[in-house]
N, C-alpha and C. Protein backbone atom coordinates (compact mmCIF):
# COMPACT_ATOMS: atom_id res chain seq x y z
N MET A 1 0.85 -1.20 0.00
CA MET A 1 0.00 0.00 0.00
C MET A 1 0.88 1.24 0.00
N GLY A 2 0.56 2.13 -0.93
CA GLY A 2 1.35 3.34 -1.01
C GLY A 2 0.91 4.37 0.02
N TYR A 3 1.79 5.28 0.31
CA TYR A 3 1.49 6.34 1.26
C TYR A 3 1.26 7.65 0.52
N VAL A 4 0.29 8.37 0.98
CA VAL A 4 -0.03 9.67 0.37
C VAL A 4 0.54 10.77 1.25
N THR A 5 1.38 11.57 0.69
CA THR A 5 1.99 12.68 1.44
C THR A 5 1.06 13.88 1.43
N ALA A 6 0.71 14.35 2.60
CA ALA A 6 -0.19 15.49 2.69
C ALA A 6 0.57 16.77 2.36
N LEU A 7 0.05 17.52 1.43
CA LEU A 7 0.66 18.79 1.04
C LEU A 7 0.18 19.90 1.97
N PRO A 8 1.06 20.86 2.32
CA PRO A 8 0.64 21.96 3.19
C PRO A 8 -0.41 22.81 2.50
N HIS A 9 -1.35 23.28 3.29
CA HIS A 9 -2.41 24.13 2.76
C HIS A 9 -1.82 25.47 2.34
N PRO A 10 -2.27 26.03 1.21
CA PRO A 10 -1.74 27.33 0.76
C PRO A 10 -1.84 28.41 1.82
N ARG A 11 -2.92 28.37 2.59
CA ARG A 11 -3.08 29.40 3.62
C ARG A 11 -2.04 29.28 4.70
N SER A 12 -1.66 28.03 5.05
CA SER A 12 -0.64 27.84 6.08
C SER A 12 0.72 28.29 5.58
N GLU A 13 0.98 28.10 4.28
CA GLU A 13 2.26 28.56 3.72
C GLU A 13 2.34 30.08 3.72
N ALA A 14 1.23 30.76 3.47
CA ALA A 14 1.22 32.22 3.42
C ALA A 14 1.20 32.82 4.81
N ALA A 15 0.75 32.03 5.81
CA ALA A 15 0.64 32.58 7.16
C ALA A 15 2.00 32.90 7.76
N GLY A 16 3.03 32.11 7.41
CA GLY A 16 4.36 32.35 7.96
C GLY A 16 4.93 33.71 7.59
N PRO A 17 5.05 34.02 6.30
CA PRO A 17 5.55 35.34 5.92
C PRO A 17 4.67 36.48 6.42
N ALA A 18 3.36 36.27 6.43
CA ALA A 18 2.47 37.33 6.90
C ALA A 18 2.70 37.61 8.38
N ARG A 19 2.87 36.54 9.17
CA ARG A 19 3.12 36.71 10.59
C ARG A 19 4.46 37.38 10.83
N ALA A 20 5.47 36.98 10.06
CA ALA A 20 6.79 37.61 10.19
C ALA A 20 6.73 39.08 9.82
N GLY A 21 5.93 39.40 8.80
CA GLY A 21 5.79 40.79 8.39
C GLY A 21 5.14 41.64 9.47
N ARG A 22 4.08 41.11 10.10
CA ARG A 22 3.40 41.87 11.15
C ARG A 22 4.29 42.04 12.37
N LEU A 23 4.99 40.98 12.75
CA LEU A 23 5.85 41.06 13.93
C LEU A 23 7.01 42.01 13.70
N SER A 24 7.67 41.89 12.55
CA SER A 24 8.80 42.78 12.26
C SER A 24 8.36 44.22 12.15
N LEU A 25 7.17 44.45 11.61
CA LEU A 25 6.65 45.82 11.50
C LEU A 25 6.44 46.42 12.88
N ALA A 26 5.82 45.65 13.77
CA ALA A 26 5.57 46.16 15.12
C ALA A 26 6.88 46.45 15.86
N VAL A 27 7.85 45.53 15.74
CA VAL A 27 9.13 45.72 16.42
C VAL A 27 9.88 46.92 15.83
N ALA A 28 9.86 47.07 14.51
CA ALA A 28 10.57 48.18 13.87
C ALA A 28 9.96 49.52 14.27
N LEU A 29 8.65 49.61 14.28
CA LEU A 29 7.99 50.86 14.67
C LEU A 29 8.33 51.23 16.12
N LEU A 30 8.25 50.23 17.00
CA LEU A 30 8.54 50.49 18.40
C LEU A 30 10.01 50.86 18.60
N ALA A 31 10.91 50.08 17.98
CA ALA A 31 12.34 50.34 18.14
C ALA A 31 12.74 51.68 17.55
N GLY A 32 12.21 52.00 16.35
CA GLY A 32 12.58 53.25 15.71
C GLY A 32 12.10 54.47 16.47
N ALA A 33 10.82 54.45 16.87
CA ALA A 33 10.27 55.59 17.59
C ALA A 33 10.93 55.75 18.96
N LEU A 34 11.11 54.63 19.67
CA LEU A 34 11.74 54.69 20.99
C LEU A 34 13.20 55.12 20.87
N GLY A 35 13.90 54.60 19.86
CA GLY A 35 15.30 54.97 19.69
C GLY A 35 15.48 56.46 19.41
N ALA A 36 14.61 57.03 18.56
CA ALA A 36 14.70 58.46 18.27
C ALA A 36 14.43 59.28 19.52
N ALA A 37 13.42 58.88 20.31
CA ALA A 37 13.10 59.61 21.53
C ALA A 37 14.24 59.54 22.54
N VAL A 38 14.84 58.36 22.68
CA VAL A 38 15.95 58.18 23.63
C VAL A 38 17.16 59.00 23.20
N ALA A 39 17.48 58.98 21.91
CA ALA A 39 18.64 59.73 21.42
C ALA A 39 18.44 61.23 21.60
N LEU A 40 17.25 61.73 21.30
CA LEU A 40 16.97 63.15 21.47
C LEU A 40 17.03 63.54 22.94
N LEU A 41 16.48 62.70 23.80
CA LEU A 41 16.51 63.00 25.24
C LEU A 41 17.95 63.03 25.74
N ALA A 42 18.75 62.07 25.31
CA ALA A 42 20.13 61.98 25.79
C ALA A 42 20.95 63.20 25.40
N THR A 43 20.72 63.75 24.22
CA THR A 43 21.53 64.89 23.77
C THR A 43 21.21 66.16 24.57
N ARG A 44 20.11 66.17 25.29
CA ARG A 44 19.75 67.34 26.09
C ARG A 44 20.25 67.25 27.53
N GLN A 45 20.93 66.15 27.84
CA GLN A 45 21.43 65.95 29.20
C GLN A 45 22.92 66.27 29.28
N ARG A 46 23.43 66.30 30.53
CA ARG A 46 24.84 66.62 30.76
C ARG A 46 25.71 65.42 30.41
N TRP A 47 26.65 65.63 29.51
CA TRP A 47 27.55 64.55 29.08
C TRP A 47 28.89 64.61 29.81
N SER A 48 29.36 65.81 30.13
CA SER A 48 30.67 65.93 30.76
C SER A 48 30.69 67.13 31.69
N GLU A 49 31.64 67.12 32.60
CA GLU A 49 31.80 68.22 33.55
C GLU A 49 33.26 68.31 33.97
N GLY A 50 33.63 69.49 34.43
CA GLY A 50 35.01 69.71 34.85
C GLY A 50 35.15 71.09 35.47
N THR A 51 36.35 71.55 35.65
CA THR A 51 36.60 72.85 36.26
C THR A 51 37.64 73.61 35.45
N ALA A 52 37.55 74.92 35.54
CA ALA A 52 38.54 75.81 34.91
C ALA A 52 39.06 76.77 35.96
N THR A 53 40.31 77.15 35.83
CA THR A 53 40.91 78.09 36.78
C THR A 53 40.61 79.51 36.35
N VAL A 54 39.83 80.22 37.14
CA VAL A 54 39.44 81.59 36.84
C VAL A 54 39.76 82.46 38.06
N ALA A 55 40.62 83.45 37.87
CA ALA A 55 41.03 84.37 38.96
C ALA A 55 41.54 83.59 40.16
N GLY A 56 42.31 82.58 39.91
CA GLY A 56 42.93 81.81 40.98
C GLY A 56 42.01 80.82 41.64
N GLY A 57 40.75 80.71 41.18
CA GLY A 57 39.82 79.77 41.79
C GLY A 57 39.27 78.78 40.77
N ALA A 58 38.66 77.73 41.28
CA ALA A 58 38.09 76.70 40.41
C ALA A 58 36.67 77.11 39.99
N PHE A 59 36.42 77.08 38.69
CA PHE A 59 35.11 77.46 38.14
C PHE A 59 34.49 76.22 37.50
N PRO A 60 33.32 75.74 38.01
CA PRO A 60 32.72 74.51 37.48
C PRO A 60 32.14 74.73 36.07
N LEU A 61 32.31 73.73 35.23
CA LEU A 61 31.80 73.78 33.86
C LEU A 61 31.06 72.49 33.54
N THR A 62 30.02 72.60 32.76
CA THR A 62 29.29 71.42 32.31
C THR A 62 28.98 71.56 30.82
N ALA A 63 28.83 70.44 30.15
CA ALA A 63 28.51 70.43 28.71
C ALA A 63 27.41 69.41 28.45
N LYS A 64 26.36 69.84 27.76
CA LYS A 64 25.30 68.93 27.36
C LYS A 64 25.72 68.18 26.09
N GLY A 65 24.95 67.17 25.78
CA GLY A 65 25.25 66.41 24.58
C GLY A 65 25.22 67.26 23.33
N SER A 66 24.26 68.20 23.26
CA SER A 66 24.18 69.06 22.09
C SER A 66 25.36 70.01 21.99
N ASP A 67 26.02 70.29 23.13
CA ASP A 67 27.24 71.10 23.11
C ASP A 67 28.42 70.31 22.57
N VAL A 68 28.44 69.02 22.87
CA VAL A 68 29.54 68.17 22.45
C VAL A 68 29.45 67.85 20.96
N THR A 69 28.27 67.43 20.51
CA THR A 69 28.06 67.09 19.11
C THR A 69 26.58 67.20 18.77
N GLY A 70 26.29 67.74 17.60
CA GLY A 70 24.91 67.85 17.15
C GLY A 70 24.48 66.70 16.25
N VAL A 71 25.39 65.75 16.01
CA VAL A 71 25.10 64.65 15.08
C VAL A 71 24.00 63.73 15.58
N PRO A 72 24.03 63.26 16.84
CA PRO A 72 22.98 62.33 17.28
C PRO A 72 21.58 62.90 17.16
N ALA A 73 21.38 64.15 17.56
CA ALA A 73 20.05 64.74 17.49
C ALA A 73 19.58 64.87 16.04
N ALA A 74 20.50 65.31 15.18
CA ALA A 74 20.14 65.47 13.76
C ALA A 74 19.78 64.13 13.13
N LEU A 75 20.59 63.11 13.41
CA LEU A 75 20.33 61.79 12.83
C LEU A 75 19.10 61.13 13.43
N ALA A 76 18.77 61.47 14.68
CA ALA A 76 17.55 60.93 15.28
C ALA A 76 16.32 61.45 14.52
N ILE A 77 16.35 62.71 14.14
CA ILE A 77 15.24 63.29 13.37
C ILE A 77 15.19 62.68 11.98
N VAL A 78 16.37 62.51 11.37
CA VAL A 78 16.42 61.87 10.05
C VAL A 78 15.88 60.45 10.12
N GLY A 79 16.28 59.72 11.16
CA GLY A 79 15.81 58.35 11.31
C GLY A 79 14.31 58.27 11.51
N LEU A 80 13.76 59.20 12.29
CA LEU A 80 12.32 59.21 12.51
C LEU A 80 11.58 59.50 11.22
N ALA A 81 12.10 60.44 10.43
CA ALA A 81 11.48 60.74 9.14
C ALA A 81 11.57 59.56 8.19
N ALA A 82 12.70 58.86 8.21
CA ALA A 82 12.87 57.69 7.34
C ALA A 82 11.93 56.56 7.75
N LEU A 83 11.68 56.43 9.07
CA LEU A 83 10.78 55.40 9.55
C LEU A 83 9.37 55.61 9.01
N VAL A 84 8.94 56.86 8.94
CA VAL A 84 7.63 57.18 8.39
C VAL A 84 7.63 57.01 6.87
N ALA A 85 8.72 57.44 6.24
CA ALA A 85 8.80 57.39 4.78
C ALA A 85 8.84 55.98 4.24
N VAL A 86 9.23 55.01 5.06
CA VAL A 86 9.27 53.62 4.60
C VAL A 86 7.92 53.17 4.08
N PHE A 87 6.84 53.68 4.68
CA PHE A 87 5.50 53.25 4.29
C PHE A 87 4.94 54.05 3.11
N ALA A 88 5.66 55.05 2.67
CA ALA A 88 5.19 55.87 1.56
C ALA A 88 5.81 55.46 0.23
N VAL A 89 6.77 54.54 0.26
CA VAL A 89 7.45 54.13 -0.96
C VAL A 89 7.37 52.62 -1.10
N ARG A 90 7.75 52.13 -2.27
CA ARG A 90 7.71 50.70 -2.56
C ARG A 90 9.02 50.23 -3.18
N LYS A 91 9.23 48.93 -3.15
CA LYS A 91 10.32 48.26 -3.85
C LYS A 91 11.68 48.92 -3.60
N ALA A 92 12.32 49.41 -4.67
CA ALA A 92 13.68 49.96 -4.54
C ALA A 92 13.69 51.19 -3.63
N GLY A 93 12.63 51.99 -3.71
CA GLY A 93 12.54 53.17 -2.86
C GLY A 93 12.49 52.81 -1.39
N ARG A 94 11.80 51.73 -1.08
CA ARG A 94 11.71 51.29 0.31
C ARG A 94 13.05 50.79 0.80
N LEU A 95 13.79 50.09 -0.05
CA LEU A 95 15.13 49.63 0.34
C LEU A 95 16.05 50.81 0.60
N LEU A 96 15.93 51.84 -0.23
CA LEU A 96 16.78 53.02 -0.07
C LEU A 96 16.48 53.73 1.25
N VAL A 97 15.20 53.92 1.54
CA VAL A 97 14.82 54.60 2.78
C VAL A 97 15.20 53.75 3.99
N ALA A 98 15.04 52.43 3.88
CA ALA A 98 15.44 51.55 4.97
C ALA A 98 16.94 51.64 5.22
N GLY A 99 17.72 51.79 4.15
CA GLY A 99 19.15 51.96 4.30
C GLY A 99 19.49 53.25 5.03
N VAL A 100 18.75 54.32 4.70
CA VAL A 100 18.96 55.60 5.40
C VAL A 100 18.64 55.45 6.88
N LEU A 101 17.58 54.71 7.18
CA LEU A 101 17.19 54.48 8.57
C LEU A 101 18.29 53.74 9.33
N ALA A 102 18.82 52.69 8.72
CA ALA A 102 19.89 51.93 9.36
C ALA A 102 21.16 52.77 9.54
N LEU A 103 21.51 53.54 8.52
CA LEU A 103 22.71 54.38 8.60
C LEU A 103 22.55 55.48 9.65
N SER A 104 21.33 55.97 9.84
CA SER A 104 21.09 56.98 10.87
C SER A 104 21.40 56.40 12.24
N GLY A 105 20.93 55.18 12.49
CA GLY A 105 21.23 54.54 13.77
C GLY A 105 22.72 54.31 13.96
N ALA A 106 23.39 53.83 12.91
CA ALA A 106 24.83 53.59 13.01
C ALA A 106 25.59 54.91 13.24
N GLY A 107 25.14 55.98 12.60
CA GLY A 107 25.79 57.27 12.80
C GLY A 107 25.63 57.80 14.21
N ILE A 108 24.46 57.58 14.81
CA ILE A 108 24.24 58.01 16.19
C ILE A 108 25.17 57.25 17.13
N VAL A 109 25.29 55.95 16.92
CA VAL A 109 26.17 55.14 17.76
C VAL A 109 27.61 55.64 17.68
N THR A 110 28.07 55.87 16.47
CA THR A 110 29.46 56.32 16.28
C THR A 110 29.71 57.69 16.91
N ALA A 111 28.80 58.64 16.64
CA ALA A 111 28.98 60.00 17.17
C ALA A 111 28.91 60.02 18.69
N ALA A 112 28.01 59.23 19.27
CA ALA A 112 27.88 59.21 20.73
C ALA A 112 29.11 58.59 21.39
N LEU A 113 29.65 57.54 20.80
CA LEU A 113 30.85 56.92 21.36
C LEU A 113 32.05 57.87 21.29
N ILE A 114 32.15 58.60 20.19
CA ILE A 114 33.24 59.58 20.09
C ILE A 114 33.05 60.70 21.10
N GLY A 115 31.79 61.15 21.24
CA GLY A 115 31.51 62.25 22.17
C GLY A 115 31.66 61.86 23.62
N ALA A 116 31.61 60.56 23.92
CA ALA A 116 31.72 60.12 25.31
C ALA A 116 33.06 60.47 25.93
N GLY A 117 34.09 60.60 25.13
CA GLY A 117 35.40 60.94 25.65
C GLY A 117 35.91 62.29 25.18
N ASP A 118 35.02 63.09 24.58
CA ASP A 118 35.44 64.38 24.02
C ASP A 118 35.45 65.46 25.09
N SER A 119 36.45 66.32 25.04
CA SER A 119 36.57 67.42 26.02
C SER A 119 36.62 68.78 25.35
N SER A 120 36.45 68.83 24.03
CA SER A 120 36.60 70.10 23.31
C SER A 120 35.54 71.12 23.72
N ALA A 121 34.32 70.68 23.99
CA ALA A 121 33.27 71.62 24.38
C ALA A 121 33.61 72.29 25.71
N LEU A 122 34.12 71.52 26.67
CA LEU A 122 34.52 72.09 27.96
C LEU A 122 35.77 72.94 27.83
N ASP A 123 36.67 72.57 26.95
CA ASP A 123 37.87 73.39 26.74
C ASP A 123 37.49 74.76 26.19
N GLU A 124 36.51 74.81 25.30
CA GLU A 124 36.06 76.09 24.78
C GLU A 124 35.45 76.95 25.88
N GLN A 125 34.68 76.31 26.76
CA GLN A 125 34.09 77.05 27.87
C GLN A 125 35.17 77.54 28.83
N ALA A 126 36.18 76.71 29.05
CA ALA A 126 37.28 77.11 29.93
C ALA A 126 38.03 78.31 29.36
N ALA A 127 38.24 78.31 28.03
CA ALA A 127 38.94 79.43 27.39
C ALA A 127 38.13 80.71 27.50
N LYS A 128 36.81 80.62 27.34
CA LYS A 128 35.96 81.81 27.46
C LYS A 128 35.90 82.31 28.89
N ALA A 129 35.81 81.38 29.84
CA ALA A 129 35.69 81.79 31.25
C ALA A 129 36.97 82.43 31.78
N SER A 130 38.11 81.92 31.35
CA SER A 130 39.38 82.44 31.87
C SER A 130 39.95 83.56 31.01
N GLY A 131 39.47 83.69 29.79
CA GLY A 131 40.02 84.70 28.90
C GLY A 131 41.33 84.28 28.29
N ASP A 132 41.70 83.03 28.46
CA ASP A 132 42.95 82.49 27.93
C ASP A 132 42.60 81.43 26.88
N THR A 133 42.95 81.68 25.64
CA THR A 133 42.59 80.75 24.56
C THR A 133 43.28 79.40 24.69
N SER A 134 44.35 79.34 25.48
CA SER A 134 45.07 78.07 25.65
C SER A 134 44.61 77.29 26.88
N ALA A 135 43.65 77.84 27.59
CA ALA A 135 43.18 77.19 28.82
C ALA A 135 42.42 75.91 28.48
N THR A 136 42.55 74.94 29.35
CA THR A 136 41.84 73.66 29.18
C THR A 136 41.14 73.31 30.49
N VAL A 137 40.18 72.42 30.38
CA VAL A 137 39.42 72.02 31.56
C VAL A 137 40.22 71.02 32.37
N THR A 138 40.03 71.04 33.67
CA THR A 138 40.68 70.07 34.56
C THR A 138 39.60 69.29 35.31
N ALA A 139 40.02 68.24 35.98
CA ALA A 139 39.09 67.38 36.72
C ALA A 139 37.93 66.94 35.82
N LEU A 140 38.26 66.54 34.62
CA LEU A 140 37.25 66.16 33.63
C LEU A 140 36.61 64.83 33.99
N SER A 141 35.28 64.77 33.87
CA SER A 141 34.56 63.52 34.08
C SER A 141 33.37 63.47 33.12
N HIS A 142 32.89 62.26 32.85
CA HIS A 142 31.79 62.06 31.91
C HIS A 142 30.66 61.29 32.57
N THR A 143 29.46 61.54 32.10
CA THR A 143 28.29 60.85 32.61
C THR A 143 27.95 59.66 31.70
N ALA A 144 26.87 58.98 32.04
CA ALA A 144 26.45 57.82 31.25
C ALA A 144 25.53 58.19 30.10
N TRP A 145 25.17 59.47 29.95
CA TRP A 145 24.21 59.85 28.92
C TRP A 145 24.70 59.60 27.49
N PRO A 146 25.99 59.72 27.19
CA PRO A 146 26.42 59.36 25.83
C PRO A 146 26.09 57.91 25.48
N TYR A 147 26.16 57.03 26.46
CA TYR A 147 25.88 55.62 26.21
C TYR A 147 24.38 55.36 26.11
N VAL A 148 23.60 56.24 26.74
CA VAL A 148 22.15 56.17 26.54
C VAL A 148 21.82 56.53 25.09
N ALA A 149 22.53 57.53 24.56
CA ALA A 149 22.36 57.87 23.14
C ALA A 149 22.77 56.72 22.24
N VAL A 150 23.79 55.98 22.66
CA VAL A 150 24.21 54.80 21.89
C VAL A 150 23.08 53.78 21.83
N VAL A 151 22.40 53.58 22.95
CA VAL A 151 21.26 52.66 22.98
C VAL A 151 20.18 53.11 22.00
N GLY A 152 19.91 54.42 21.99
CA GLY A 152 18.93 54.95 21.04
C GLY A 152 19.34 54.68 19.61
N GLY A 153 20.62 54.86 19.31
CA GLY A 153 21.11 54.59 17.96
C GLY A 153 21.00 53.13 17.59
N VAL A 154 21.26 52.25 18.54
CA VAL A 154 21.15 50.81 18.28
C VAL A 154 19.71 50.44 17.95
N LEU A 155 18.75 51.03 18.66
CA LEU A 155 17.34 50.75 18.40
C LEU A 155 16.95 51.20 16.99
N ILE A 156 17.42 52.36 16.58
CA ILE A 156 17.13 52.84 15.23
C ILE A 156 17.80 51.95 14.19
N LEU A 157 19.02 51.51 14.49
CA LEU A 157 19.71 50.59 13.59
C LEU A 157 18.94 49.29 13.43
N VAL A 158 18.41 48.77 14.52
CA VAL A 158 17.61 47.54 14.47
C VAL A 158 16.37 47.75 13.60
N ALA A 159 15.73 48.91 13.75
CA ALA A 159 14.56 49.20 12.92
C ALA A 159 14.93 49.23 11.44
N GLY A 160 16.07 49.80 11.13
CA GLY A 160 16.52 49.86 9.75
C GLY A 160 16.83 48.49 9.18
N LEU A 161 17.48 47.66 9.98
CA LEU A 161 17.80 46.30 9.52
C LEU A 161 16.54 45.47 9.31
N LEU A 162 15.56 45.66 10.17
CA LEU A 162 14.28 44.96 9.99
C LEU A 162 13.58 45.44 8.72
N ALA A 163 13.66 46.74 8.45
CA ALA A 163 13.05 47.27 7.24
C ALA A 163 13.74 46.73 5.99
N LEU A 164 15.05 46.56 6.06
CA LEU A 164 15.78 46.00 4.92
C LEU A 164 15.42 44.53 4.70
N ARG A 165 15.23 43.81 5.80
CA ARG A 165 14.97 42.37 5.69
C ARG A 165 13.50 42.06 5.39
N TYR A 166 12.59 42.74 6.06
CA TYR A 166 11.18 42.40 5.95
C TYR A 166 10.32 43.50 5.33
N GLY A 167 10.93 44.59 4.91
CA GLY A 167 10.15 45.72 4.40
C GLY A 167 9.24 45.38 3.24
N ARG A 168 9.64 44.39 2.43
CA ARG A 168 8.82 44.02 1.28
C ARG A 168 7.49 43.42 1.70
N LEU A 169 7.39 42.95 2.96
CA LEU A 169 6.15 42.37 3.46
C LEU A 169 5.25 43.40 4.13
N TRP A 170 5.74 44.62 4.29
CA TRP A 170 4.98 45.64 5.00
C TRP A 170 4.03 46.35 4.06
N PRO A 171 2.90 46.84 4.55
CA PRO A 171 1.96 47.58 3.70
C PRO A 171 2.50 48.96 3.37
N ALA A 172 1.93 49.57 2.35
CA ALA A 172 2.31 50.92 1.94
C ALA A 172 1.09 51.82 2.03
N MET A 173 1.33 53.09 2.35
CA MET A 173 0.23 54.04 2.43
C MET A 173 -0.23 54.40 1.02
N SER A 174 -1.48 54.10 0.71
CA SER A 174 -2.04 54.44 -0.59
C SER A 174 -3.54 54.34 -0.50
N GLY A 175 -4.23 55.38 -0.92
CA GLY A 175 -5.68 55.38 -0.93
C GLY A 175 -6.25 55.07 -2.27
N ARG A 176 -5.41 54.96 -3.31
CA ARG A 176 -5.90 54.76 -4.66
C ARG A 176 -5.82 53.31 -5.12
N TYR A 177 -5.14 52.48 -4.34
CA TYR A 177 -4.91 51.12 -4.78
C TYR A 177 -5.43 50.13 -3.76
N GLU A 178 -5.76 48.95 -4.25
CA GLU A 178 -6.15 47.86 -3.38
C GLU A 178 -4.90 47.23 -2.81
N ARG A 179 -5.04 46.16 -2.06
CA ARG A 179 -3.88 45.51 -1.47
C ARG A 179 -2.95 44.93 -2.50
N ASP A 180 -3.49 44.54 -3.65
CA ASP A 180 -2.64 43.94 -4.67
C ASP A 180 -2.01 44.97 -5.59
N GLY A 181 -2.25 46.26 -5.33
CA GLY A 181 -1.64 47.32 -6.12
C GLY A 181 -2.39 47.66 -7.38
N VAL A 182 -3.56 47.05 -7.62
CA VAL A 182 -4.33 47.32 -8.83
C VAL A 182 -5.29 48.47 -8.56
N PRO A 183 -5.33 49.48 -9.46
CA PRO A 183 -6.24 50.61 -9.23
C PRO A 183 -7.68 50.13 -9.15
N ARG A 184 -8.44 50.78 -8.28
CA ARG A 184 -9.83 50.43 -8.12
C ARG A 184 -10.63 50.85 -9.35
N ALA A 185 -11.49 49.94 -9.79
CA ALA A 185 -12.33 50.24 -10.95
C ALA A 185 -13.48 51.14 -10.53
N ARG A 186 -13.82 52.10 -11.39
CA ARG A 186 -14.93 52.98 -11.12
C ARG A 186 -16.25 52.25 -11.30
N ARG A 187 -17.19 52.54 -10.42
CA ARG A 187 -18.49 51.92 -10.55
C ARG A 187 -19.26 52.55 -11.71
N LYS A 188 -19.89 51.69 -12.47
CA LYS A 188 -20.68 52.18 -13.59
C LYS A 188 -21.97 52.83 -13.08
N ALA A 189 -22.37 53.87 -13.76
CA ALA A 189 -23.60 54.56 -13.37
C ALA A 189 -24.80 53.65 -13.62
N VAL A 190 -25.71 53.66 -12.67
CA VAL A 190 -26.92 52.84 -12.78
C VAL A 190 -27.92 53.55 -13.69
N VAL A 191 -28.41 52.81 -14.67
CA VAL A 191 -29.40 53.37 -15.59
C VAL A 191 -30.76 53.40 -14.91
N VAL A 192 -31.38 54.56 -14.91
CA VAL A 192 -32.69 54.75 -14.27
C VAL A 192 -33.78 54.73 -15.33
N ASP A 193 -34.75 53.86 -15.11
CA ASP A 193 -35.90 53.79 -16.01
C ASP A 193 -36.97 54.76 -15.50
N PRO A 194 -37.25 55.83 -16.24
CA PRO A 194 -38.23 56.83 -15.77
C PRO A 194 -39.64 56.27 -15.64
N ASP A 195 -39.89 55.13 -16.25
CA ASP A 195 -41.23 54.53 -16.16
C ASP A 195 -41.39 53.66 -14.92
N ARG A 196 -40.29 53.48 -14.16
CA ARG A 196 -40.36 52.65 -12.97
C ARG A 196 -40.13 53.52 -11.73
N PRO A 197 -41.16 53.79 -10.97
CA PRO A 197 -41.03 54.68 -9.79
C PRO A 197 -39.99 54.21 -8.79
N GLU A 198 -39.85 52.84 -8.64
CA GLU A 198 -38.88 52.35 -7.66
C GLU A 198 -37.45 52.72 -8.05
N ASP A 199 -37.14 52.76 -9.38
CA ASP A 199 -35.82 53.18 -9.83
C ASP A 199 -35.58 54.65 -9.52
N ILE A 200 -36.61 55.44 -9.69
CA ILE A 200 -36.48 56.88 -9.42
C ILE A 200 -36.19 57.12 -7.95
N TRP A 201 -36.93 56.41 -7.05
CA TRP A 201 -36.70 56.59 -5.62
C TRP A 201 -35.30 56.11 -5.21
N LYS A 202 -34.84 55.00 -5.79
CA LYS A 202 -33.50 54.52 -5.47
C LYS A 202 -32.42 55.52 -5.90
N ALA A 203 -32.65 56.14 -7.09
CA ALA A 203 -31.70 57.15 -7.56
C ALA A 203 -31.67 58.35 -6.63
N LEU A 204 -32.83 58.76 -6.15
CA LEU A 204 -32.88 59.88 -5.22
C LEU A 204 -32.19 59.53 -3.91
N ASP A 205 -32.35 58.28 -3.45
CA ASP A 205 -31.67 57.86 -2.23
C ASP A 205 -30.17 57.88 -2.38
N ARG A 206 -29.69 57.60 -3.58
CA ARG A 206 -28.24 57.63 -3.84
C ARG A 206 -27.72 59.03 -4.07
N GLY A 207 -28.61 60.01 -4.11
CA GLY A 207 -28.20 61.38 -4.34
C GLY A 207 -28.01 61.69 -5.81
N GLU A 208 -28.59 60.88 -6.69
CA GLU A 208 -28.45 61.10 -8.11
C GLU A 208 -29.68 61.80 -8.69
N ASP A 209 -29.49 62.38 -9.85
CA ASP A 209 -30.59 63.04 -10.55
C ASP A 209 -31.25 62.00 -11.46
N PRO A 210 -32.48 61.57 -11.17
CA PRO A 210 -33.10 60.53 -11.99
C PRO A 210 -33.42 60.97 -13.41
N THR A 211 -33.40 62.28 -13.64
CA THR A 211 -33.70 62.77 -14.99
C THR A 211 -32.49 62.73 -15.88
N GLY A 212 -31.27 62.54 -15.25
CA GLY A 212 -30.04 62.50 -16.06
C GLY A 212 -29.58 63.84 -16.51
N ALA A 213 -30.16 64.92 -15.98
CA ALA A 213 -29.76 66.28 -16.40
C ALA A 213 -28.46 66.67 -15.76
């Protein structure tokens, strides 16, 4: 007796990619939006602090992330815009925007790591406070906020990588097309028979002129 191999149902085969598309979309949206918010918040916090010698005394100085580098904040906005734009384009355009999203996250990570050990912003403040262009900050220390910005960049990078991998399964914003991308056909006008009162009343209910004028 031969054995009959059961073939998988077409719906079960399609359910896998559809489920992966929905899950990746949800994760990408959450990661991208959260990453941009975290990166923007981190750039507004104190990244470094130190002291400068002014009139023989120690003068405290602090520098926010935006003072150290403006790259993370700028790229966070670019990444957020790219996250939205992913749904407005298709095919090659979607891959391009997804690449911008991923690069924005990578750029935030790089800039934040460089800024974590940077002292140029405090040195400029020390020079202004002391009136000596060669003055530098002393007792330099850094906070954990640059690494918080790194986390934000990693989240945006993850969103970009998900868009590159699964973006083809995500829906696109369009009011003119059906899900399959085919333009919607216009409904044909209903012909009203003036000799049939029920047709006239139906036309009036639809807001049409039964006389055809």
